[in-house]
Amino acid sequence: MRQELGYKEKNGQFTKFGQWYADRVQDTQYRNGPWCDMFIAWAADKADLSQYVGEFAWTPSHAAWFMKQGAWTQKPEPGALVFFDWKGGKSYKGIDHVGIVEKVSGKKIHTIEANVDRIWLKRKTRETDKVVGYGIPRLVKAGADKLGEIRSTEQPFVVAPRVETGRGSPLDFLGTPPALLTAMVLMTVVLSLRITGRRRGTHRRLALPWNAPSTPHTPPARDGAPAPERVTVPAKPAEHVQAKPRPAPAPAARPARTRVTAAAATRHSTSTRRKPYEPDQPARP
């Protein structure tokens, strides 16, 4: 910082500090803007102290940042940032200049300031009647360290790192609580069905037509003729192919009744029955 003493802005209020800040925030308007606070941001970045000093170009916002950090005071000390209001106000909203306290001598402070006397970076000796307050980077650092200690106690135990086991198998679901619950429900339903079946009894076999015993059909005997002898056909041995069930036989039609006269009945009873192998003979006279 001290080696920059004597720096003078270029034409159009251009400075290397404004150029650095414009590149930092990606806004070209700061390249030719008032540079007292941008010089402090540049110096803090070079010293790696930006987190305790802040990076601002607008002095009221910079003062409000120190207030928020709990690092705002009315007592000067070397290394503090001093904020001025040339109108003599005491509110941070009226601040229009900032410098760095290099030394305190009684009621006077010795500072290093940029953009003073319109174009210079130089040392100044100031009265304190125009001072609004002081921002203390040392207190910002102490507050950050304390906050870090508080956060470290929020997790007293070290969390073990997770071990990636790769993709799971679909069978992994079988050991989960939902799978066990599903199995219990299915088992309960099966047992209930079995108990209900025992109470109702076994199934009865329906008397369907193909289950009924088959009765061979015997044609009716003719009048005066002996009934044909019933022939029993032995059943074929069962084959490997299951036989289709036979439909029930239709009931036989009743023969039509024929009226027979008495003369025909007498002639039929007295006639001699011809054997089938005898040749035809002429009728007797």
C-alpha atoms as a PDB file:
ATOM      1  CA  MET A   1       0.000   0.000   0.000  1.00  0.00           C
ATOM      2  CA  ARG A   2       2.701   2.516   0.956  1.00  0.00           C
ATOM      3  CA  GLN A   3       4.551   1.912  -2.283  1.00  0.00           C
ATOM      4  CA  GLU A   4       1.514   3.282  -4.128  1.00  0.00           C
ATOM      5  CA  LEU A   5       1.792   6.680  -2.433  1.00  0.00           C
ATOM      6  CA  GLY A   6       2.019   9.436  -5.006  1.00  0.00           C
ATOM      7  CA  TYR A   7      -0.153   7.664  -7.563  1.00  0.00           C
ATOM      8  CA  LYS A   8      -2.088  10.098  -9.747  1.00  0.00           C
ATOM      9  CA  GLU A   9      -5.206   9.371 -11.756  1.00  0.00           C
ATOM     10  CA  LYS A  10      -5.091   9.638 -15.545  1.00  0.00           C
ATOM     11  CA  ASN A  11      -7.195  11.691 -17.912  1.00  0.00           C
ATOM     12  CA  GLY A  12     -10.906  11.103 -17.560  1.00  0.00           C
ATOM     13  CA  GLN A  13     -10.469   9.994 -13.900  1.00  0.00           C
ATOM     14  CA  PHE A  14      -9.094   6.642 -15.068  1.00  0.00           C
ATOM     15  CA  THR A  15      -7.077   4.601 -12.513  1.00  0.00           C
ATOM     16  CA  LYS A  16      -5.655   1.115 -12.419  1.00  0.00           C
ATOM     17  CA  PHE A  17      -7.655   0.536  -9.228  1.00  0.00           C
ATOM     18  CA  GLY A  18     -10.892   1.404 -10.989  1.00  0.00           C
ATOM     19  CA  GLN A  19      -9.918  -0.859 -13.898  1.00  0.00           C
ATOM     20  CA  TRP A  20      -9.234  -3.740 -11.480  1.00  0.00           C
ATOM     21  CA  TYR A  21     -12.587  -3.262  -9.726  1.00  0.00           C
ATOM     22  CA  ALA A  22     -14.498  -3.017 -13.038  1.00  0.00           C
ATOM     23  CA  ASP A  23     -13.004  -6.330 -14.134  1.00  0.00           C
ATOM     24  CA  ARG A  24     -13.813  -7.800 -10.724  1.00  0.00           C
ATOM     25  CA  VAL A  25     -17.518  -6.973 -10.854  1.00  0.00           C
ATOM     26  CA  GLN A  26     -17.857  -7.063 -14.655  1.00  0.00           C
ATOM     27  CA  ASP A  27     -19.051  -3.425 -14.852  1.00  0.00           C
ATOM     28  CA  THR A  28     -17.081  -0.882 -16.875  1.00  0.00           C
ATOM     29  CA  GLN A  29     -18.598   2.193 -15.176  1.00  0.00           C
ATOM     30  CA  TYR A  30     -16.257   1.789 -12.206  1.00  0.00           C
ATOM     31  CA  ARG A  31     -13.190   2.222 -14.403  1.00  0.00           C
ATOM     32  CA  ASN A  32     -13.587   6.020 -14.327  1.00  0.00           C
ATOM     33  CA  GLY A  33     -15.438   6.385 -11.004  1.00  0.00           C
ATOM     34  CA  PRO A  34     -14.401   7.864  -7.629  1.00  0.00           C
ATOM     35  CA  TRP A  35     -11.703   5.489  -6.456  1.00  0.00           C
ATOM     36  CA  CYS A  36     -11.064   6.062  -2.725  1.00  0.00           C
ATOM     37  CA  ASP A  37     -12.883   2.849  -1.699  1.00  0.00           C
ATOM     38  CA  MET A  38     -11.802   0.854  -4.779  1.00  0.00           C
ATOM     39  CA  PHE A  39      -8.178   1.477  -3.801  1.00  0.00           C
ATOM     40  CA  ILE A  40      -8.825  -0.055  -0.349  1.00  0.00           C
ATOM     41  CA  ALA A  41     -10.496  -3.091  -1.980  1.00  0.00           C
ATOM     42  CA  TRP A  42      -7.464  -3.496  -4.287  1.00  0.00           C
ATOM     43  CA  ALA A  43      -4.992  -3.260  -1.359  1.00  0.00           C
ATOM     44  CA  ALA A  44      -6.984  -5.776   0.751  1.00  0.00           C
ATOM     45  CA  ASP A  45      -7.014  -8.239  -2.153  1.00  0.00           C
ATOM     46  CA  LYS A  46      -3.226  -7.908  -2.572  1.00  0.00           C
ATOM     47  CA  ALA A  47      -2.776  -8.614   1.169  1.00  0.00           C
ATOM     48  CA  ASP A  48      -5.331 -11.492   1.106  1.00  0.00           C
ATOM     49  CA  LEU A  49      -7.526  -9.710   3.666  1.00  0.00           C
ATOM     50  CA  SER A  50     -10.652  -9.117   1.606  1.00  0.00           C
ATOM     51  CA  GLN A  51     -12.854 -11.239   3.863  1.00  0.00           C
ATOM     52  CA  TYR A  52     -12.039  -8.946   6.826  1.00  0.00           C
ATOM     53  CA  VAL A  53     -11.847  -5.592   4.980  1.00  0.00           C
ATOM     54  CA  GLY A  54     -14.554  -6.027   2.348  1.00  0.00           C
ATOM     55  CA  GLU A  55     -14.674  -5.101  -1.343  1.00  0.00           C
ATOM     56  CA  PHE A  56     -16.806  -2.022  -2.019  1.00  0.00           C
ATOM     57  CA  ALA A  57     -16.897   1.038  -4.238  1.00  0.00           C
ATOM     58  CA  TRP A  58     -19.802   2.771  -2.447  1.00  0.00           C
ATOM     59  CA  THR A  59     -18.753   4.073   0.981  1.00  0.00           C
ATOM     60  CA  PRO A  60     -22.198   3.991   2.741  1.00  0.00           C
ATOM     61  CA  SER A  61     -22.565   0.304   1.863  1.00  0.00           C
ATOM     62  CA  HIS A  62     -19.070  -0.378   3.164  1.00  0.00           C
ATOM     63  CA  ALA A  63     -19.838   1.279   6.531  1.00  0.00           C
ATOM     64  CA  ALA A  64     -23.133  -0.677   6.807  1.00  0.00           C
ATOM     65  CA  TRP A  65     -21.202  -3.923   6.221  1.00  0.00           C
ATOM     66  CA  PHE A  66     -18.941  -3.197   9.237  1.00  0.00           C
ATOM     67  CA  MET A  67     -22.018  -2.466  11.359  1.00  0.00           C
ATOM     68  CA  LYS A  68     -23.543  -5.771  10.369  1.00  0.00           C
ATOM     69  CA  GLN A  69     -20.325  -7.588  11.289  1.00  0.00           C
ATOM     70  CA  GLY A  70     -20.343  -6.004  14.766  1.00  0.00           C
ATOM     71  CA  ALA A  71     -17.064  -4.218  13.947  1.00  0.00           C
ATOM     72  CA  TRP A  72     -18.167  -0.573  14.026  1.00  0.00           C
ATOM     73  CA  THR A  73     -16.816   1.854  16.638  1.00  0.00           C
ATOM     74  CA  GLN A  74     -16.139   5.537  17.451  1.00  0.00           C
ATOM     75  CA  LYS A  75     -12.614   4.975  18.709  1.00  0.00           C
ATOM     76  CA  PRO A  76      -9.762   5.117  16.166  1.00  0.00           C
ATOM     77  CA  GLU A  77      -6.872   2.657  16.009  1.00  0.00           C
ATOM     78  CA  PRO A  78      -4.104   1.866  13.491  1.00  0.00           C
ATOM     79  CA  GLY A  79      -5.388  -0.311  10.678  1.00  0.00           C
ATOM     80  CA  ALA A  80      -8.998   0.871  11.042  1.00  0.00           C
ATOM     81  CA  LEU A  81     -10.979   2.273   8.124  1.00  0.00           C
ATOM     82  CA  VAL A  82     -12.145   5.834   8.800  1.00  0.00           C
ATOM     83  CA  PHE A  83     -15.374   7.096   7.188  1.00  0.00           C
ATOM     84  CA  PHE A  84     -15.995  10.831   6.652  1.00  0.00           C
ATOM     85  CA  ASP A  85     -19.025  12.990   5.994  1.00  0.00           C
ATOM     86  CA  TRP A  86     -17.755  16.386   4.795  1.00  0.00           C
ATOM     87  CA  LYS A  87     -21.074  17.925   5.856  1.00  0.00           C
ATOM     88  CA  GLY A  88     -20.504  16.887   9.453  1.00  0.00           C
ATOM     89  CA  GLY A  89     -23.363  14.373   9.642  1.00  0.00           C
ATOM     90  CA  LYS A  90     -23.245  11.327  11.906  1.00  0.00           C
ATOM     91  CA  SER A  91     -25.319   8.865   9.861  1.00  0.00           C
ATOM     92  CA  TYR A  92     -23.669   6.271   7.687  1.00  0.00           C
ATOM     93  CA  LYS A  93     -26.003   7.286   4.861  1.00  0.00           C
ATOM     94  CA  GLY A  94     -24.148  10.594   4.446  1.00  0.00           C
ATOM     95  CA  ILE A  95     -20.647   9.094   4.202  1.00  0.00           C
ATOM     96  CA  ASP A  96     -18.792  10.268   1.093  1.00  0.00           C
ATOM     97  CA  HIS A  97     -15.108   9.392   1.716  1.00  0.00           C
ATOM     98  CA  VAL A  98     -12.962   6.684   3.318  1.00  0.00           C
ATOM     99  CA  GLY A  99      -9.299   6.231   4.251  1.00  0.00           C
ATOM    100  CA  ILE A 100      -7.009   4.021   6.350  1.00  0.00           C
ATOM    101  CA  VAL A 101      -5.782   5.054   9.809  1.00  0.00           C
ATOM    102  CA  GLU A 102      -1.986   4.803   9.912  1.00  0.00           C
ATOM    103  CA  LYS A 103      -1.402   6.475  13.293  1.00  0.00           C
ATOM    104  CA  VAL A 104      -3.387   8.225  16.070  1.00  0.00           C
ATOM    105  CA  SER A 105      -1.930  11.371  17.728  1.00  0.00           C
ATOM    106  CA  GLY A 106      -4.196  12.781  20.423  1.00  0.00           C
ATOM    107  CA  LYS A 107      -7.339  14.101  18.716  1.00  0.00           C
ATOM    108  CA  LYS A 108      -5.780  13.843  15.280  1.00  0.00           C
ATOM    109  CA  ILE A 109      -5.410  10.867  12.999  1.00  0.00           C
ATOM    110  CA  HIS A 110      -2.808  10.239  10.308  1.00  0.00           C
ATOM    111  CA  THR A 111      -4.256   8.510   7.286  1.00  0.00           C
ATOM    112  CA  ILE A 112      -3.509   7.140   3.828  1.00  0.00           C
ATOM    113  CA  GLU A 113      -6.241   8.158   1.414  1.00  0.00           C
ATOM    114  CA  ALA A 114      -6.916   7.798  -2.298  1.00  0.00           C
ATOM    115  CA  ASN A 115      -8.683  10.297  -4.537  1.00  0.00           C
ATOM    116  CA  VAL A 116      -7.747  13.237  -2.281  1.00  0.00           C
ATOM    117  CA  ASP A 117      -7.061  16.688  -3.565  1.00  0.00           C
ATOM    118  CA  ARG A 118      -9.026  15.357  -6.544  1.00  0.00           C
ATOM    119  CA  ILE A 119      -6.279  13.242  -8.160  1.00  0.00           C
ATOM    120  CA  TRP A 120      -3.814  11.873  -5.605  1.00  0.00           C
ATOM    121  CA  LEU A 121      -3.059   8.903  -3.395  1.00  0.00           C
ATOM    122  CA  LYS A 122      -1.274  10.438  -0.401  1.00  0.00           C
ATOM    123  CA  ARG A 123      -0.963  10.777   3.370  1.00  0.00           C
ATOM    124  CA  LYS A 124      -3.229  13.175   5.246  1.00  0.00           C
ATOM    125  CA  THR A 125      -3.577  14.436   8.822  1.00  0.00           C
ATOM    126  CA  ARG A 126      -7.211  14.863   9.849  1.00  0.00           C
ATOM    127  CA  GLU A 127      -9.323  16.257  12.633  1.00  0.00           C
ATOM    128  CA  THR A 128     -12.028  13.934  13.874  1.00  0.00           C
ATOM    129  CA  ASP A 129     -14.988  16.339  13.669  1.00  0.00           C
ATOM    130  CA  LYS A 130     -15.925  15.080  10.205  1.00  0.00           C
ATOM    131  CA  VAL A 131     -15.566  11.417  11.159  1.00  0.00           C
ATOM    132  CA  VAL A 132     -18.774   9.323  11.238  1.00  0.00           C
ATOM    133  CA  GLY A 133     -17.117   6.166  12.592  1.00  0.00           C
ATOM    134  CA  TYR A 134     -14.484   3.502  12.180  1.00  0.00           C
ATOM    135  CA  GLY A 135     -14.634   0.013  10.705  1.00  0.00           C
ATOM    136  CA  ILE A 136     -12.294  -2.425  12.488  1.00  0.00           C
ATOM    137  CA  PRO A 137     -11.076  -5.385  10.352  1.00  0.00           C
ATOM    138  CA  ARG A 138      -9.598  -6.957  13.480  1.00  0.00           C
ATOM    139  CA  LEU A 139     -13.089  -7.308  14.989  1.00  0.00           C
ATOM    140  CA  VAL A 140     -14.427  -8.777  11.748  1.00  0.00           C
ATOM    141  CA  LYS A 141     -11.737 -11.470  11.917  1.00  0.00           C
ATOM    142  CA  ALA A 142     -12.484 -12.196  15.593  1.00  0.00           C
ATOM    143  CA  GLY A 143     -16.182 -12.524  14.835  1.00  0.00           C
ATOM    144  CA  ALA A 144     -15.489 -14.885  11.919  1.00  0.00           C
ATOM    145  CA  ASP A 145     -13.279 -17.090  14.100  1.00  0.00           C
ATOM    146  CA  LYS A 146     -15.933 -17.197  16.805  1.00  0.00           C
ATOM    147  CA  LEU A 147     -18.601 -18.089  14.262  1.00  0.00           C
ATOM    148  CA  GLY A 148     -16.406 -20.904  12.970  1.00  0.00           C
ATOM    149  CA  GLU A 149     -16.042 -22.295  16.505  1.00  0.00           C
ATOM    150  CA  ILE A 150     -19.802 -22.179  17.034  1.00  0.00           C
ATOM    151  CA  ARG A 151     -20.449 -23.998  13.774  1.00  0.00           C
ATOM    152  CA  SER A 152     -17.884 -26.677  14.622  1.00  0.00           C
ATOM    153  CA  THR A 153     -19.868 -27.600  17.755  1.00  0.00           C
ATOM    154  CA  GLU A 154     -23.053 -28.154  15.781  1.00  0.00           C
ATOM    155  CA  GLN A 155     -21.701 -31.527  14.616  1.00  0.00           C
ATOM    156  CA  PRO A 156     -19.697 -33.004  17.508  1.00  0.00           C
ATOM    157  CA  PHE A 157     -19.502 -36.398  15.804  1.00  0.00           C
ATOM    158  CA  VAL A 158     -17.777 -36.985  12.522  1.00  0.00           C
ATOM    159  CA  VAL A 159     -20.188 -38.388   9.979  1.00  0.00           C
ATOM    160  CA  ALA A 160     -18.828 -41.567   8.406  1.00  0.00           C
ATOM    161  CA  PRO A 161     -18.511 -41.337   4.626  1.00  0.00           C
ATOM    162  CA  ARG A 162     -21.058 -43.280   2.654  1.00  0.00           C
ATOM    163  CA  VAL A 163     -19.750 -46.299   0.823  1.00  0.00           C
ATOM    164  CA  GLU A 164     -21.143 -46.787  -2.622  1.00  0.00           C
ATOM    165  CA  THR A 165     -22.111 -50.436  -3.045  1.00  0.00           C
ATOM    166  CA  GLY A 166     -23.078 -50.200  -6.675  1.00  0.00           C
ATOM    167  CA  ARG A 167     -26.449 -50.906  -8.120  1.00  0.00           C
ATOM    168  CA  GLY A 168     -28.813 -52.901  -5.973  1.00  0.00           C
ATOM    169  CA  SER A 169     -30.420 -56.143  -7.095  1.00  0.00           C
ATOM    170  CA  PRO A 170     -34.216 -56.436  -7.541  1.00  0.00           C
ATOM    171  CA  LEU A 171     -34.100 -59.278  -5.005  1.00  0.00           C
ATOM    172  CA  ASP A 172     -33.041 -56.783  -2.343  1.00  0.00           C
ATOM    173  CA  PHE A 173     -36.726 -55.842  -2.079  1.00  0.00           C
ATOM    174  CA  LEU A 174     -37.572 -59.215  -0.524  1.00  0.00           C
ATOM    175  CA  GLY A 175     -35.988 -58.285   2.788  1.00  0.00           C
ATOM    176  CA  THR A 176     -37.679 -54.910   3.105  1.00  0.00           C
ATOM    177  CA  PRO A 177     -40.597 -54.259   5.498  1.00  0.00           C
ATOM    178  CA  PRO A 178     -43.119 -53.757   2.643  1.00  0.00           C
ATOM    179  CA  ALA A 179     -42.237 -57.178   1.207  1.00  0.00           C
ATOM    180  CA  LEU A 180     -42.616 -58.886   4.598  1.00  0.00           C
ATOM    181  CA  LEU A 181     -45.970 -57.200   5.157  1.00  0.00           C
ATOM    182  CA  THR A 182     -47.208 -58.338   1.732  1.00  0.00           C
ATOM    183  CA  ALA A 183     -46.178 -61.930   2.455  1.00  0.00           C
ATOM    184  CA  MET A 184     -48.059 -61.905   5.793  1.00  0.00           C
ATOM    185  CA  VAL A 185     -51.231 -60.610   4.121  1.00  0.00           C
ATOM    186  CA  LEU A 186     -51.097 -63.294   1.413  1.00  0.00           C
ATOM    187  CA  MET A 187     -50.550 -66.043   3.990  1.00  0.00           C
ATOM    188  CA  THR A 188     -53.545 -64.822   6.012  1.00  0.00           C
ATOM    189  CA  VAL A 189     -55.779 -64.854   2.916  1.00  0.00           C
ATOM    190  CA  VAL A 190     -54.725 -68.419   1.968  1.00  0.00           C
ATOM    191  CA  LEU A 191     -55.361 -69.755   5.479  1.00  0.00           C
ATOM    192  CA  SER A 192     -58.774 -68.077   5.569  1.00  0.00           C
ATOM    193  CA  LEU A 193     -59.782 -69.701   2.287  1.00  0.00           C
ATOM    194  CA  ARG A 194     -58.702 -73.141   3.487  1.00  0.00           C
ATOM    195  CA  ILE A 195     -60.623 -72.876   6.758  1.00  0.00           C
ATOM    196  CA  THR A 196     -63.748 -71.680   4.908  1.00  0.00           C
ATOM    197  CA  GLY A 197     -63.543 -74.672   2.541  1.00  0.00           C
ATOM    198  CA  ARG A 198     -63.365 -77.159   5.417  1.00  0.00           C
ATOM    199  CA  ARG A 199     -66.431 -75.692   7.083  1.00  0.00           C
ATOM    200  CA  ARG A 200     -68.497 -75.958   3.900  1.00  0.00           C
ATOM    201  CA  GLY A 201     -67.474 -79.593   3.219  1.00  0.00           C
ATOM    202  CA  THR A 202     -66.137 -81.323   0.142  1.00  0.00           C
ATOM    203  CA  HIS A 203     -67.359 -80.662  -3.338  1.00  0.00           C
ATOM    204  CA  ARG A 204     -70.235 -82.880  -4.560  1.00  0.00           C
ATOM    205  CA  ARG A 205     -70.057 -84.506  -7.944  1.00  0.00           C
ATOM    206  CA  LEU A 206     -72.846 -83.347 -10.187  1.00  0.00           C
ATOM    207  CA  ALA A 207     -74.984 -85.981 -11.896  1.00  0.00           C
ATOM    208  CA  LEU A 208     -74.202 -84.942 -15.434  1.00  0.00           C
ATOM    209  CA  PRO A 209     -75.390 -86.968 -18.425  1.00  0.00           C
ATOM    210  CA  TRP A 210     -71.966 -88.339 -19.186  1.00  0.00           C
ATOM    211  CA  ASN A 211     -71.568 -89.530 -15.587  1.00  0.00           C
ATOM    212  CA  ALA A 212     -74.769 -91.629 -15.628  1.00  0.00           C
ATOM    213  CA  PRO A 213     -74.407 -95.460 -16.253  1.00  0.00           C
ATOM    214  CA  SER A 214     -75.180 -96.479 -19.774  1.00  0.00           C
ATOM    215  CA  THR A 215     -77.993 -99.062 -20.312  1.00  0.00           C
ATOM    216  CA  PRO A 216     -77.977-101.102 -23.512  1.00  0.00           C
ATOM    217  CA  HIS A 217     -81.073-100.655 -25.620  1.00  0.00           C
ATOM    218  CA  THR A 218     -83.248-103.693 -26.070  1.00  0.00           C
ATOM    219  CA  PRO A 219     -85.703-103.527 -28.962  1.00  0.00           C
ATOM    220  CA  PRO A 220     -89.242-104.605 -28.114  1.00  0.00           C
ATOM    221  CA  ALA A 221     -90.286-108.165 -28.993  1.00  0.00           C
ATOM    222  CA  ARG A 222     -92.770-108.830 -31.765  1.00  0.00           C
ATOM    223  CA  ASP A 223     -96.127-110.340 -30.997  1.00  0.00           C
ATOM    224  CA  GLY A 224     -95.726-114.052 -30.501  1.00  0.00           C
ATOM    225  CA  ALA A 225     -91.930-114.004 -31.082  1.00  0.00           C
ATOM    226  CA  PRO A 226     -89.418-114.707 -28.355  1.00  0.00           C
ATOM    227  CA  ALA A 227     -87.339-111.764 -27.162  1.00  0.00           C
ATOM    228  CA  PRO A 228     -83.864-111.639 -28.619  1.00  0.00           C
ATOM    229  CA  GLU A 229     -81.148-112.788 -26.363  1.00  0.00           C
ATOM    230  CA  ARG A 230     -79.177-109.985 -24.693  1.00  0.00           C
ATOM    231  CA  VAL A 231     -75.574-110.030 -25.846  1.00  0.00           C
ATOM    232  CA  THR A 232     -72.882-108.621 -23.627  1.00  0.00           C
ATOM    233  CA  VAL A 233     -69.863-107.250 -25.480  1.00  0.00           C
ATOM    234  CA  PRO A 234     -66.674-107.343 -23.448  1.00  0.00           C
ATOM    235  CA  ALA A 235     -65.171-103.924 -22.820  1.00  0.00           C
ATOM    236  CA  LYS A 236     -62.007-103.002 -24.632  1.00  0.00           C
ATOM    237  CA  PRO A 237     -58.937-102.488 -22.547  1.00  0.00           C
ATOM    238  CA  ALA A 238     -58.324 -98.867 -21.600  1.00  0.00           C
ATOM    239  CA  GLU A 239     -55.963 -97.022 -23.835  1.00  0.00           C
ATOM    240  CA  HIS A 240     -53.681 -94.155 -22.985  1.00  0.00           C
ATOM    241  CA  VAL A 241     -55.980 -91.731 -24.744  1.00  0.00           C
ATOM    242  CA  GLN A 242     -58.964 -90.844 -22.630  1.00  0.00           C
ATOM    243  CA  ALA A 243     -62.248 -91.752 -24.349  1.00  0.00           C
ATOM    244  CA  LYS A 244     -64.774 -89.046 -24.937  1.00  0.00           C
ATOM    245  CA  PRO A 245     -67.955 -89.409 -22.876  1.00  0.00           C
ATOM    246  CA  ARG A 246     -70.882 -90.926 -24.792  1.00  0.00           C
ATOM    247  CA  PRO A 247     -74.073 -88.954 -24.908  1.00  0.00           C
ATOM    248  CA  ALA A 248     -77.129 -90.487 -23.259  1.00  0.00           C
ATOM    249  CA  PRO A 249     -79.182 -92.636 -25.710  1.00  0.00           C
ATOM    250  CA  ALA A 250     -82.414 -91.185 -26.899  1.00  0.00           C
ATOM    251  CA  PRO A 251     -85.545 -92.969 -25.684  1.00  0.00           C
ATOM    252  CA  ALA A 252     -86.852 -95.575 -28.169  1.00  0.00           C
ATOM    253  CA  ALA A 253     -90.033 -94.785 -30.028  1.00  0.00           C
ATOM    254  CA  ARG A 254     -93.006 -96.874 -29.090  1.00  0.00           C
ATOM    255  CA  PRO A 255     -94.210 -99.179 -31.921  1.00  0.00           C
ATOM    256  CA  ALA A 256     -97.505 -98.357 -33.463  1.00  0.00           C
ATOM    257  CA  ARG A 257    -100.349-100.607 -32.418  1.00  0.00           C
ATOM    258  CA  THR A 258    -101.864-102.817 -35.129  1.00  0.00           C
ATOM    259  CA  ARG A 259    -105.378-104.077 -34.892  1.00  0.00           C
ATOM    260  CA  VAL A 260    -105.510-107.826 -35.558  1.00  0.00           C
ATOM    261  CA  THR A 261    -108.804-109.580 -36.440  1.00  0.00           C
ATOM    262  CA  ALA A 262    -109.897-112.808 -34.845  1.00  0.00           C
ATOM    263  CA  ALA A 263    -109.673-114.741 -38.111  1.00  0.00           C
ATOM    264  CA  ALA A 264    -106.115-113.598 -38.685  1.00  0.00           C
ATOM    265  CA  ALA A 265    -105.192-114.539 -35.150  1.00  0.00           C
ATOM    266  CA  THR A 266    -106.713-118.039 -35.596  1.00  0.00           C
ATOM    267  CA  ARG A 267    -104.971-118.593 -38.933  1.00  0.00           C
ATOM    268  CA  HIS A 268    -101.668-117.481 -37.511  1.00  0.00           C
ATOM    269  CA  SER A 269    -101.970-119.816 -34.529  1.00  0.00           C
ATOM    270  CA  THR A 270    -102.874-122.882 -36.601  1.00  0.00           C
ATOM    271  CA  SER A 271    -100.376-122.430 -39.421  1.00  0.00           C
ATOM    272  CA  THR A 272     -97.207-124.388 -39.343  1.00  0.00           C
ATOM    273  CA  ARG A 273     -94.042-122.289 -39.212  1.00  0.00           C
ATOM    274  CA  ARG A 274     -91.780-122.977 -42.165  1.00  0.00           C
ATOM    275  CA  LYS A 275     -88.163-123.537 -41.600  1.00  0.00           C
ATOM    276  CA  PRO A 276     -85.886-121.141 -43.397  1.00  0.00           C
ATOM    277  CA  TYR A 277     -84.017-123.905 -45.330  1.00  0.00           C
ATOM    278  CA  GLU A 278     -87.127-125.612 -46.783  1.00  0.00           C
ATOM    279  CA  PRO A 279     -87.906-124.709 -50.418  1.00  0.00           C
ATOM    280  CA  ASP A 280     -91.062-123.052 -51.321  1.00  0.00           C
ATOM    281  CA  GLN A 281     -93.966-125.555 -51.658  1.00  0.00           C
ATOM    282  CA  PRO A 282     -97.240-125.039 -53.381  1.00  0.00           C
ATOM    283  CA  ALA A 283    -100.138-124.465 -51.197  1.00  0.00           C
ATOM    284  CA  ARG A 284    -102.195-127.415 -50.183  1.00  0.00           C
ATOM    285  CA  PRO A 285    -105.746-127.752 -51.500  1.00  0.00           C
END
